[in-house]
C-alpha atoms as a PDB file:
ATOM      1  CA  UNK A   1      53.971 -21.372 114.262  1.00  0.00           C
ATOM      2  CA  UNK A   2      56.700 -21.111 116.842  1.00  0.00           C
ATOM      3  CA  UNK A   3      55.877 -17.528 117.803  1.00  0.00           C
ATOM      4  CA  UNK A   4      53.890 -14.513 116.741  1.00  0.00           C
ATOM      5  CA  UNK A   5      54.816 -12.664 113.590  1.00  0.00           C
ATOM      6  CA  UNK A   6      58.114 -10.820 113.917  1.00  0.00           C
ATOM      7  CA  UNK A   7      58.844  -7.207 113.039  1.00  0.00           C
ATOM      8  CA  UNK A   8      61.368  -6.841 110.238  1.00  0.00           C
ATOM      9  CA  UNK A   9      62.981  -3.805 111.852  1.00  0.00           C
ATOM     10  CA  UNK A  10      65.324  -5.799 114.094  1.00  0.00           C
ATOM     11  CA  UNK A  11      66.117  -8.851 111.974  1.00  0.00           C
ATOM     12  CA  UNK A  12      69.061  -9.527 109.688  1.00  0.00           C
ATOM     13  CA  UNK A  13      68.523 -12.077 106.921  1.00  0.00           C
ATOM     14  CA  UNK A  14      71.304 -13.708 104.922  1.00  0.00           C
ATOM     15  CA  UNK A  15      70.522 -15.056 101.456  1.00  0.00           C
ATOM     16  CA  UNK A  16      73.187 -17.565 100.507  1.00  0.00           C
ATOM     17  CA  UNK A  17      72.911 -17.722  96.746  1.00  0.00           C
ATOM     18  CA  UNK A  18      71.639 -14.515  95.117  1.00  0.00           C
ATOM     19  CA  UNK A  19      70.789 -15.912  91.705  1.00  0.00           C
ATOM     20  CA  UNK A  20      67.530 -16.246  89.768  1.00  0.00           C
ATOM     21  CA  UNK A  21      65.510 -16.789  92.948  1.00  0.00           C
ATOM     22  CA  UNK A  22      67.811 -15.442  95.625  1.00  0.00           C
ATOM     23  CA  UNK A  23      68.372 -11.945  94.238  1.00  0.00           C
ATOM     24  CA  UNK A  24      64.686 -10.968  93.829  1.00  0.00           C
ATOM     25  CA  UNK A  25      64.001 -12.554  97.226  1.00  0.00           C
ATOM     26  CA  UNK A  26      66.747 -10.462  98.812  1.00  0.00           C
ATOM     27  CA  UNK A  27      65.361  -7.328  97.147  1.00  0.00           C
ATOM     28  CA  UNK A  28      61.863  -8.132  98.449  1.00  0.00           C
ATOM     29  CA  UNK A  29      63.246  -8.577 101.969  1.00  0.00           C
ATOM     30  CA  UNK A  30      65.018  -5.203 101.756  1.00  0.00           C
ATOM     31  CA  UNK A  31      61.738  -3.627 100.621  1.00  0.00           C
ATOM     32  CA  UNK A  32      60.003  -5.251 103.604  1.00  0.00           C
ATOM     33  CA  UNK A  33      62.418  -3.575 106.012  1.00  0.00           C
ATOM     34  CA  UNK A  34      64.873  -6.349 106.794  1.00  0.00           C
ATOM     35  CA  UNK A  35      68.630  -5.870 106.909  1.00  0.00           C
ATOM     36  CA  UNK A  36      69.898  -8.225 104.215  1.00  0.00           C
ATOM     37  CA  UNK A  37      73.285  -9.703 103.402  1.00  0.00           C
ATOM     38  CA  UNK A  38      73.773 -11.838 100.331  1.00  0.00           C
ATOM     39  CA  UNK A  39      76.347 -13.926  98.509  1.00  0.00           C
ATOM     40  CA  UNK A  40      77.184 -14.318  94.850  1.00  0.00           C
ATOM     41  CA  UNK A  41      79.744 -16.379  92.970  1.00  0.00           C
ATOM     42  CA  UNK A  42      80.118 -13.677  90.314  1.00  0.00           C
ATOM     43  CA  UNK A  43      82.347 -10.644  90.994  1.00  0.00           C
ATOM     44  CA  UNK A  44      80.414  -8.309  88.693  1.00  0.00           C
ATOM     45  CA  UNK A  45      77.233  -9.019  90.696  1.00  0.00           C
ATOM     46  CA  UNK A  46      78.668  -7.461  93.851  1.00  0.00           C
ATOM     47  CA  UNK A  47      77.766  -3.955  92.710  1.00  0.00           C
ATOM     48  CA  UNK A  48      74.270  -5.125  91.731  1.00  0.00           C
ATOM     49  CA  UNK A  49      73.693  -6.421  95.254  1.00  0.00           C
ATOM     50  CA  UNK A  50      75.094  -3.306  96.878  1.00  0.00           C
ATOM     51  CA  UNK A  51      72.959  -1.008  94.729  1.00  0.00           C
ATOM     52  CA  UNK A  52      69.888  -3.010  95.813  1.00  0.00           C
ATOM     53  CA  UNK A  53      70.640  -2.356  99.495  1.00  0.00           C
ATOM     54  CA  UNK A  54      72.126  -5.820 100.092  1.00  0.00           C
ATOM     55  CA  UNK A  55      75.475  -6.165 101.863  1.00  0.00           C
ATOM     56  CA  UNK A  56      77.384  -8.263  99.300  1.00  0.00           C
ATOM     57  CA  UNK A  57      79.846 -11.113  99.728  1.00  0.00           C
ATOM     58  CA  UNK A  58      81.758 -13.022  97.071  1.00  0.00           C
ATOM     59  CA  UNK A  59      81.597 -16.684  98.011  1.00  0.00           C
ATOM     60  CA  UNK A  60      81.858 -19.993  96.184  1.00  0.00           C
ATOM     61  CA  UNK A  61      81.277 -23.298  97.920  1.00  0.00           C
ATOM     62  CA  UNK A  62      82.854 -26.446  96.546  1.00  0.00           C
ATOM     63  CA  UNK A  63      85.974 -28.564  96.402  1.00  0.00           C
ATOM     64  CA  UNK A  64      88.201 -25.478  96.207  1.00  0.00           C
ATOM     65  CA  UNK A  65      86.673 -23.923  99.357  1.00  0.00           C
ATOM     66  CA  UNK A  66      89.588 -22.164 101.062  1.00  0.00           C
ATOM     67  CA  UNK A  67      90.311 -20.805 104.561  1.00  0.00           C
ATOM     68  CA  UNK A  68      89.647 -17.364 103.081  1.00  0.00           C
ATOM     69  CA  UNK A  69      86.222 -18.538 101.931  1.00  0.00           C
ATOM     70  CA  UNK A  70      85.595 -19.890 105.428  1.00  0.00           C
ATOM     71  CA  UNK A  71      86.457 -16.486 106.903  1.00  0.00           C
ATOM     72  CA  UNK A  72      84.127 -14.779 104.405  1.00  0.00           C
ATOM     73  CA  UNK A  73      81.297 -17.155 105.297  1.00  0.00           C
ATOM     74  CA  UNK A  74      81.834 -16.584 109.014  1.00  0.00           C
ATOM     75  CA  UNK A  75      81.850 -12.811 108.565  1.00  0.00           C
ATOM     76  CA  UNK A  76      78.715 -12.964 106.432  1.00  0.00           C
ATOM     77  CA  UNK A  77      76.732 -15.030 108.951  1.00  0.00           C
ATOM     78  CA  UNK A  78      77.888 -13.358 112.153  1.00  0.00           C
ATOM     79  CA  UNK A  79      74.938 -11.497 113.662  1.00  0.00           C
ATOM     80  CA  UNK A  80      72.440 -13.045 111.230  1.00  0.00           C
ATOM     81  CA  UNK A  81      69.023 -14.040 112.565  1.00  0.00           C
ATOM     82  CA  UNK A  82      67.747 -15.983 109.528  1.00  0.00           C
ATOM     83  CA  UNK A  83      69.770 -17.807 106.883  1.00  0.00           C
ATOM     84  CA  UNK A  84      68.016 -18.546 103.600  1.00  0.00           C
ATOM     85  CA  UNK A  85      70.046 -21.413 102.186  1.00  0.00           C
ATOM     86  CA  UNK A  86      69.483 -21.272  98.438  1.00  0.00           C
ATOM     87  CA  UNK A  87      72.337 -23.232  96.872  1.00  0.00           C
ATOM     88  CA  UNK A  88      71.126 -25.517  94.040  1.00  0.00           C
ATOM     89  CA  UNK A  89      72.321 -29.136  94.032  1.00  0.00           C
ATOM     90  CA  UNK A  90      73.771 -28.674  90.546  1.00  0.00           C
ATOM     91  CA  UNK A  91      76.489 -26.533  92.169  1.00  0.00           C
ATOM     92  CA  UNK A  92      77.876 -29.683  93.814  1.00  0.00           C
ATOM     93  CA  UNK A  93      80.158 -32.320  92.421  1.00  0.00           C
ATOM     94  CA  UNK A  94      78.408 -35.620  91.733  1.00  0.00           C
ATOM     95  CA  UNK A  95      76.864 -37.132  94.856  1.00  0.00           C
ATOM     96  CA  UNK A  96      78.395 -34.508  97.135  1.00  0.00           C
ATOM     97  CA  UNK A  97      75.661 -31.967  97.820  1.00  0.00           C
ATOM     98  CA  UNK A  98      75.790 -32.564 101.604  1.00  0.00           C
ATOM     99  CA  UNK A  99      79.551 -32.093 101.486  1.00  0.00           C
ATOM    100  CA  UNK A 100      79.136 -28.833  99.591  1.00  0.00           C
ATOM    101  CA  UNK A 101      76.960 -27.451 102.395  1.00  0.00           C
ATOM    102  CA  UNK A 102      78.875 -28.899 105.345  1.00  0.00           C
ATOM    103  CA  UNK A 103      80.974 -25.741 105.909  1.00  0.00           C
ATOM    104  CA  UNK A 104      77.748 -23.739 106.084  1.00  0.00           C
ATOM    105  CA  UNK A 105      76.381 -25.994 108.822  1.00  0.00           C
ATOM    106  CA  UNK A 106      79.574 -25.625 110.824  1.00  0.00           C
ATOM    107  CA  UNK A 107      79.462 -21.835 110.645  1.00  0.00           C
ATOM    108  CA  UNK A 108      75.720 -21.693 111.414  1.00  0.00           C
ATOM    109  CA  UNK A 109      76.423 -23.624 114.623  1.00  0.00           C
ATOM    110  CA  UNK A 110      79.504 -21.634 115.630  1.00  0.00           C
ATOM    111  CA  UNK A 111      78.162 -18.097 115.124  1.00  0.00           C
ATOM    112  CA  UNK A 112      74.694 -18.735 116.535  1.00  0.00           C
ATOM    113  CA  UNK A 113      72.375 -18.258 113.563  1.00  0.00           C
ATOM    114  CA  UNK A 114      68.892 -18.686 115.033  1.00  0.00           C
ATOM    115  CA  UNK A 115      66.880 -19.860 112.025  1.00  0.00           C
ATOM    116  CA  UNK A 116      67.616 -21.678 108.761  1.00  0.00           C
ATOM    117  CA  UNK A 117      65.236 -21.621 105.794  1.00  0.00           C
ATOM    118  CA  UNK A 118      66.353 -24.423 103.463  1.00  0.00           C
ATOM    119  CA  UNK A 119      65.265 -24.153  99.836  1.00  0.00           C
ATOM    120  CA  UNK A 120      64.784 -27.715  98.593  1.00  0.00           C
ATOM    121  CA  UNK A 121      62.944 -29.463  95.763  1.00  0.00           C
ATOM    122  CA  UNK A 122      60.093 -31.874  95.164  1.00  0.00           C
ATOM    123  CA  UNK A 123      62.621 -34.025  93.293  1.00  0.00           C
ATOM    124  CA  UNK A 124      63.100 -35.768  96.660  1.00  0.00           C
ATOM    125  CA  UNK A 125      59.917 -37.752  95.921  1.00  0.00           C
ATOM    126  CA  UNK A 126      59.892 -40.938  93.855  1.00  0.00           C
ATOM    127  CA  UNK A 127      58.568 -40.776  90.312  1.00  0.00           C
ATOM    128  CA  UNK A 128      55.463 -42.772  91.171  1.00  0.00           C
ATOM    129  CA  UNK A 129      51.888 -42.172  89.953  1.00  0.00           C
ATOM    130  CA  UNK A 130      50.396 -41.005  93.240  1.00  0.00           C
ATOM    131  CA  UNK A 131      49.936 -37.960  95.447  1.00  0.00           C
ATOM    132  CA  UNK A 132      53.033 -36.973  97.405  1.00  0.00           C
ATOM    133  CA  UNK A 133      52.859 -35.384 100.837  1.00  0.00           C
ATOM    134  CA  UNK A 134      55.719 -34.188 103.006  1.00  0.00           C
ATOM    135  CA  UNK A 135      55.971 -37.438 104.962  1.00  0.00           C
ATOM    136  CA  UNK A 136      56.644 -39.390 101.761  1.00  0.00           C
ATOM    137  CA  UNK A 137      60.298 -38.281 101.853  1.00  0.00           C
ATOM    138  CA  UNK A 138      61.996 -38.014 105.234  1.00  0.00           C
ATOM    139  CA  UNK A 139      65.198 -35.991 105.582  1.00  0.00           C
ATOM    140  CA  UNK A 140      68.038 -37.291 107.719  1.00  0.00           C
ATOM    141  CA  UNK A 141      71.844 -37.259 107.640  1.00  0.00           C
ATOM    142  CA  UNK A 142      71.692 -40.937 106.630  1.00  0.00           C
ATOM    143  CA  UNK A 143      69.046 -40.730 103.863  1.00  0.00           C
ATOM    144  CA  UNK A 144      69.770 -42.342 100.511  1.00  0.00           C
ATOM    145  CA  UNK A 145      69.116 -39.113  98.572  1.00  0.00           C
ATOM    146  CA  UNK A 146      71.759 -36.383  98.451  1.00  0.00           C
ATOM    147  CA  UNK A 147      69.088 -33.731  98.800  1.00  0.00           C
ATOM    148  CA  UNK A 148      67.416 -35.440 101.758  1.00  0.00           C
ATOM    149  CA  UNK A 149      70.788 -35.829 103.474  1.00  0.00           C
ATOM    150  CA  UNK A 150      71.465 -32.127 102.942  1.00  0.00           C
ATOM    151  CA  UNK A 151      68.066 -31.255 104.418  1.00  0.00           C
ATOM    152  CA  UNK A 152      68.902 -33.501 107.358  1.00  0.00           C
ATOM    153  CA  UNK A 153      72.121 -31.653 108.104  1.00  0.00           C
ATOM    154  CA  UNK A 154      70.107 -28.506 108.788  1.00  0.00           C
ATOM    155  CA  UNK A 155      67.414 -29.951 111.019  1.00  0.00           C
ATOM    156  CA  UNK A 156      67.612 -28.529 114.577  1.00  0.00           C
ATOM    157  CA  UNK A 157      70.378 -29.957 116.698  1.00  0.00           C
ATOM    158  CA  UNK A 158      70.479 -29.618 120.466  1.00  0.00           C
ATOM    159  CA  UNK A 159      68.452 -26.434 120.266  1.00  0.00           C
ATOM    160  CA  UNK A 160      71.136 -24.601 118.280  1.00  0.00           C
ATOM    161  CA  UNK A 161      68.690 -23.321 115.684  1.00  0.00           C
ATOM    162  CA  UNK A 162      65.220 -23.816 114.214  1.00  0.00           C
ATOM    163  CA  UNK A 163      64.754 -24.706 110.576  1.00  0.00           C
ATOM    164  CA  UNK A 164      62.064 -24.951 107.933  1.00  0.00           C
ATOM    165  CA  UNK A 165      62.452 -26.801 104.639  1.00  0.00           C
ATOM    166  CA  UNK A 166      60.553 -25.666 101.545  1.00  0.00           C
ATOM    167  CA  UNK A 167      60.367 -28.195  98.714  1.00  0.00           C
ATOM    168  CA  UNK A 168      59.570 -26.186  95.602  1.00  0.00           C
ATOM    169  CA  UNK A 169      58.079 -27.703  92.471  1.00  0.00           C
ATOM    170  CA  UNK A 170      59.531 -26.753  89.100  1.00  0.00           C
ATOM    171  CA  UNK A 171      60.346 -23.050  88.904  1.00  0.00           C
ATOM    172  CA  UNK A 172      58.890 -20.777  86.240  1.00  0.00           C
ATOM    173  CA  UNK A 173      58.930 -17.026  85.807  1.00  0.00           C
ATOM    174  CA  UNK A 174      60.904 -14.246  84.127  1.00  0.00           C
ATOM    175  CA  UNK A 175      63.766 -15.662  82.038  1.00  0.00           C
ATOM    176  CA  UNK A 176      62.352 -19.174  82.576  1.00  0.00           C
ATOM    177  CA  UNK A 177      59.396 -19.341  80.191  1.00  0.00           C
ATOM    178  CA  UNK A 178      58.229 -22.965  80.252  1.00  0.00           C
ATOM    179  CA  UNK A 179      57.292 -22.866  76.564  1.00  0.00           C
ATOM    180  CA  UNK A 180      60.958 -23.463  75.803  1.00  0.00           C
ATOM    181  CA  UNK A 181      61.223 -26.598  77.955  1.00  0.00           C
ATOM    182  CA  UNK A 182      59.609 -29.035  75.500  1.00  0.00           C
ATOM    183  CA  UNK A 183      59.186 -26.905  72.367  1.00  0.00           C
ATOM    184  CA  UNK A 184      59.101 -28.916  69.153  1.00  0.00           C
ATOM    185  CA  UNK A 185      59.817 -32.271  70.770  1.00  0.00           C
ATOM    186  CA  UNK A 186      57.989 -35.249  69.288  1.00  0.00           C
ATOM    187  CA  UNK A 187      56.432 -38.399  70.724  1.00  0.00           C
ATOM    188  CA  UNK A 188      56.757 -37.433  74.373  1.00  0.00           C
ATOM    189  CA  UNK A 189      55.330 -39.740  77.051  1.00  0.00           C
ATOM    190  CA  UNK A 190      52.856 -39.025  79.844  1.00  0.00           C
ATOM    191  CA  UNK A 191      50.565 -36.497  78.188  1.00  0.00           C
ATOM    192  CA  UNK A 192      48.106 -36.754  81.057  1.00  0.00           C
ATOM    193  CA  UNK A 193      50.591 -36.522  83.913  1.00  0.00           C
ATOM    194  CA  UNK A 194      50.055 -33.527  86.218  1.00  0.00           C
ATOM    195  CA  UNK A 195      52.582 -30.696  86.221  1.00  0.00           C
ATOM    196  CA  UNK A 196      53.952 -29.543  89.558  1.00  0.00           C
ATOM    197  CA  UNK A 197      55.200 -25.990  89.104  1.00  0.00           C
ATOM    198  CA  UNK A 198      55.440 -22.716  91.005  1.00  0.00           C
ATOM    199  CA  UNK A 199      55.976 -19.151  89.781  1.00  0.00           C
ATOM    200  CA  UNK A 200      58.858 -17.038  91.057  1.00  0.00           C
ATOM    201  CA  UNK A 201      56.444 -14.496  92.563  1.00  0.00           C
ATOM    202  CA  UNK A 202      54.989 -17.185  94.817  1.00  0.00           C
ATOM    203  CA  UNK A 203      58.420 -18.536  95.767  1.00  0.00           C
ATOM    204  CA  UNK A 204      59.329 -15.068  97.014  1.00  0.00           C
ATOM    205  CA  UNK A 205      55.967 -14.565  98.709  1.00  0.00           C
ATOM    206  CA  UNK A 206      56.128 -17.899 100.521  1.00  0.00           C
ATOM    207  CA  UNK A 207      59.697 -17.533 101.760  1.00  0.00           C
ATOM    208  CA  UNK A 208      58.986 -14.004 102.964  1.00  0.00           C
ATOM    209  CA  UNK A 209      55.817 -15.197 104.699  1.00  0.00           C
ATOM    210  CA  UNK A 210      57.700 -17.943 106.557  1.00  0.00           C
ATOM    211  CA  UNK A 211      60.186 -15.402 107.909  1.00  0.00           C
ATOM    212  CA  UNK A 212      57.508 -12.855 108.768  1.00  0.00           C
ATOM    213  CA  UNK A 213      55.267 -15.402 110.512  1.00  0.00           C
ATOM    214  CA  UNK A 214      58.059 -17.226 112.365  1.00  0.00           C
ATOM    215  CA  UNK A 215      56.941 -20.481 110.770  1.00  0.00           C
ATOM    216  CA  UNK A 216      59.811 -22.650 111.978  1.00  0.00           C
ATOM    217  CA  UNK A 217      59.995 -26.387 112.477  1.00  0.00           C
ATOM    218  CA  UNK A 218      58.141 -27.367 109.293  1.00  0.00           C
ATOM    219  CA  UNK A 219      58.683 -29.108 105.988  1.00  0.00           C
ATOM    220  CA  UNK A 220      56.459 -27.706 103.239  1.00  0.00           C
ATOM    221  CA  UNK A 221      55.675 -28.808  99.721  1.00  0.00           C
ATOM    222  CA  UNK A 222      55.270 -25.668  97.641  1.00  0.00           C
ATOM    223  CA  UNK A 223      53.726 -25.608  94.198  1.00  0.00           C
ATOM    224  CA  UNK A 224      50.553 -24.413  92.551  1.00  0.00           C
ATOM    225  CA  UNK A 225      47.406 -26.159  93.759  1.00  0.00           C
ATOM    226  CA  UNK A 226      46.328 -26.428  90.112  1.00  0.00           C
ATOM    227  CA  UNK A 227      47.907 -29.254  88.132  1.00  0.00           C
ATOM    228  CA  UNK A 228      47.066 -29.130  84.419  1.00  0.00           C
ATOM    229  CA  UNK A 229      48.249 -32.051  82.330  1.00  0.00           C
ATOM    230  CA  UNK A 230      51.634 -31.972  80.630  1.00  0.00           C
ATOM    231  CA  UNK A 231      49.964 -31.820  77.246  1.00  0.00           C
ATOM    232  CA  UNK A 232      47.622 -28.963  78.154  1.00  0.00           C
ATOM    233  CA  UNK A 233      50.233 -26.888  79.914  1.00  0.00           C
ATOM    234  CA  UNK A 234      53.205 -27.261  77.582  1.00  0.00           C
ATOM    235  CA  UNK A 235      51.057 -26.791  74.503  1.00  0.00           C
ATOM    236  CA  UNK A 236      49.713 -23.538  75.946  1.00  0.00           C
ATOM    237  CA  UNK A 237      53.209 -22.488  77.025  1.00  0.00           C
ATOM    238  CA  UNK A 238      54.618 -23.034  73.518  1.00  0.00           C
ATOM    239  CA  UNK A 239      51.737 -21.124  71.949  1.00  0.00           C
ATOM    240  CA  UNK A 240      52.401 -18.220  74.319  1.00  0.00           C
ATOM    241  CA  UNK A 241      55.950 -17.960  72.952  1.00  0.00           C
ATOM    242  CA  UNK A 242      54.984 -18.647  69.354  1.00  0.00           C
ATOM    243  CA  UNK A 243      57.182 -21.727  69.130  1.00  0.00           C
ATOM    244  CA  UNK A 244      56.368 -25.242  67.927  1.00  0.00           C
ATOM    245  CA  UNK A 245      54.366 -27.136  70.549  1.00  0.00           C
ATOM    246  CA  UNK A 246      55.435 -30.612  71.653  1.00  0.00           C
ATOM    247  CA  UNK A 247      53.553 -33.721  70.583  1.00  0.00           C
ATOM    248  CA  UNK A 248      52.777 -36.689  72.812  1.00  0.00           C
ATOM    249  CA  UNK A 249      52.626 -40.429  72.179  1.00  0.00           C
ATOM    250  CA  UNK A 250      49.205 -41.743  73.217  1.00  0.00           C
ATOM    251  CA  UNK A 251      50.723 -45.227  73.663  1.00  0.00           C
ATOM    252  CA  UNK A 252      53.016 -43.954  76.419  1.00  0.00           C
ATOM    253  CA  UNK A 253      50.450 -42.152  78.498  1.00  0.00           C
ATOM    254  CA  UNK A 254      50.770 -42.943  82.165  1.00  0.00           C
ATOM    255  CA  UNK A 255      50.088 -40.710  85.125  1.00  0.00           C
ATOM    256  CA  UNK A 256      52.796 -39.163  87.276  1.00  0.00           C
ATOM    257  CA  UNK A 257      53.253 -37.895  90.787  1.00  0.00           C
ATOM    258  CA  UNK A 258      51.103 -35.042  92.054  1.00  0.00           C
ATOM    259  CA  UNK A 259      52.623 -32.798  94.708  1.00  0.00           C
ATOM    260  CA  UNK A 260      50.191 -31.954  97.493  1.00  0.00           C
ATOM    261  CA  UNK A 261      50.794 -28.479  98.989  1.00  0.00           C
ATOM    262  CA  UNK A 262      47.681 -28.457 101.157  1.00  0.00           C
ATOM    263  CA  UNK A 263      49.685 -28.490 104.401  1.00  0.00           C
ATOM    264  CA  UNK A 264      51.338 -25.218 103.417  1.00  0.00           C
ATOM    265  CA  UNK A 265      47.971 -23.678 102.537  1.00  0.00           C
ATOM    266  CA  UNK A 266      46.562 -24.723 105.929  1.00  0.00           C
ATOM    267  CA  UNK A 267      49.560 -23.424 107.857  1.00  0.00           C
ATOM    268  CA  UNK A 268      50.631 -20.127 106.294  1.00  0.00           C
ATOM    269  CA  UNK A 269      48.452 -17.021 105.832  1.00  0.00           C
ATOM    270  CA  UNK A 270      49.682 -16.619 102.279  1.00  0.00           C
ATOM    271  CA  UNK A 271      47.529 -16.330  99.172  1.00  0.00           C
ATOM    272  CA  UNK A 272      49.133 -17.499  95.929  1.00  0.00           C
ATOM    273  CA  UNK A 273      49.450 -14.815  93.264  1.00  0.00           C
ATOM    274  CA  UNK A 274      49.944 -17.199  90.322  1.00  0.00           C
ATOM    275  CA  UNK A 275      48.014 -20.301  91.362  1.00  0.00           C
ATOM    276  CA  UNK A 276      46.513 -20.743  87.891  1.00  0.00           C
ATOM    277  CA  UNK A 277      49.495 -21.972  85.889  1.00  0.00           C
ATOM    278  CA  UNK A 278      47.917 -21.263  82.509  1.00  0.00           C
ATOM    279  CA  UNK A 279      47.359 -17.584  83.323  1.00  0.00           C
ATOM    280  CA  UNK A 280      50.783 -17.513  85.049  1.00  0.00           C
ATOM    281  CA  UNK A 281      52.273 -17.889  81.571  1.00  0.00           C
ATOM    282  CA  UNK A 282      51.547 -14.178  81.079  1.00  0.00           C
ATOM    283  CA  UNK A 283      54.166 -13.472  83.790  1.00  0.00           C
ATOM    284  CA  UNK A 284      56.996 -15.586  82.414  1.00  0.00           C
END
């Protein structure tokens, strides 16, 4: 940790991207006593944010990013202590995720944001049948992966800020019941491959813990420490919803990557709420 745990009473947190993950995170931060500002791309969500105690901004990054958008972004981030950067890669045009976020990096540097919490994904790792640790994918502005290049743009530069990257596994939770993902599909491969998932409740808990504990300067893998097989998990998930379970082809059964989150468990004083993915289905 870079310092002792910080009181929420004097910190302002910006959540850039108040969607499925960002909005409940912002609400949890408000409940914890932080001043919170948040962005949405949807005009009718502005009132939702305001009613939740979040100072709302309408902002859309992308190829049509205008000088007005730049002014909005600057206003939003002025006086912010922690930026939670939660913009999914699918929001970018093909192969341009770093470009999508470049205006954010410029404003972070110019207004003096002190900390950046970058929400990333375990998709940065190769699809190879082995255990993946954080060092198996290195972020840099010159990396081959769009996502790794984007991570690299927000690593500390000349002491301007401190950052932590959190690489989440697949996201499950309310409105994302995993029983729908493979329901009714036939002859699927890799029945025995481990699943690498994390529940929304633990995403929120981990991100809040990083801010509270001043855990800056890290890259964390973040998913459940339990990894049931694809066949076990998705069969149980389909049964939970009462939909047709998938079937798997025994002739195409190879193992897959397993995401190791042990570094996070050793570093943060956070206890997972939904570490058992089978019982986590009750909360999806």
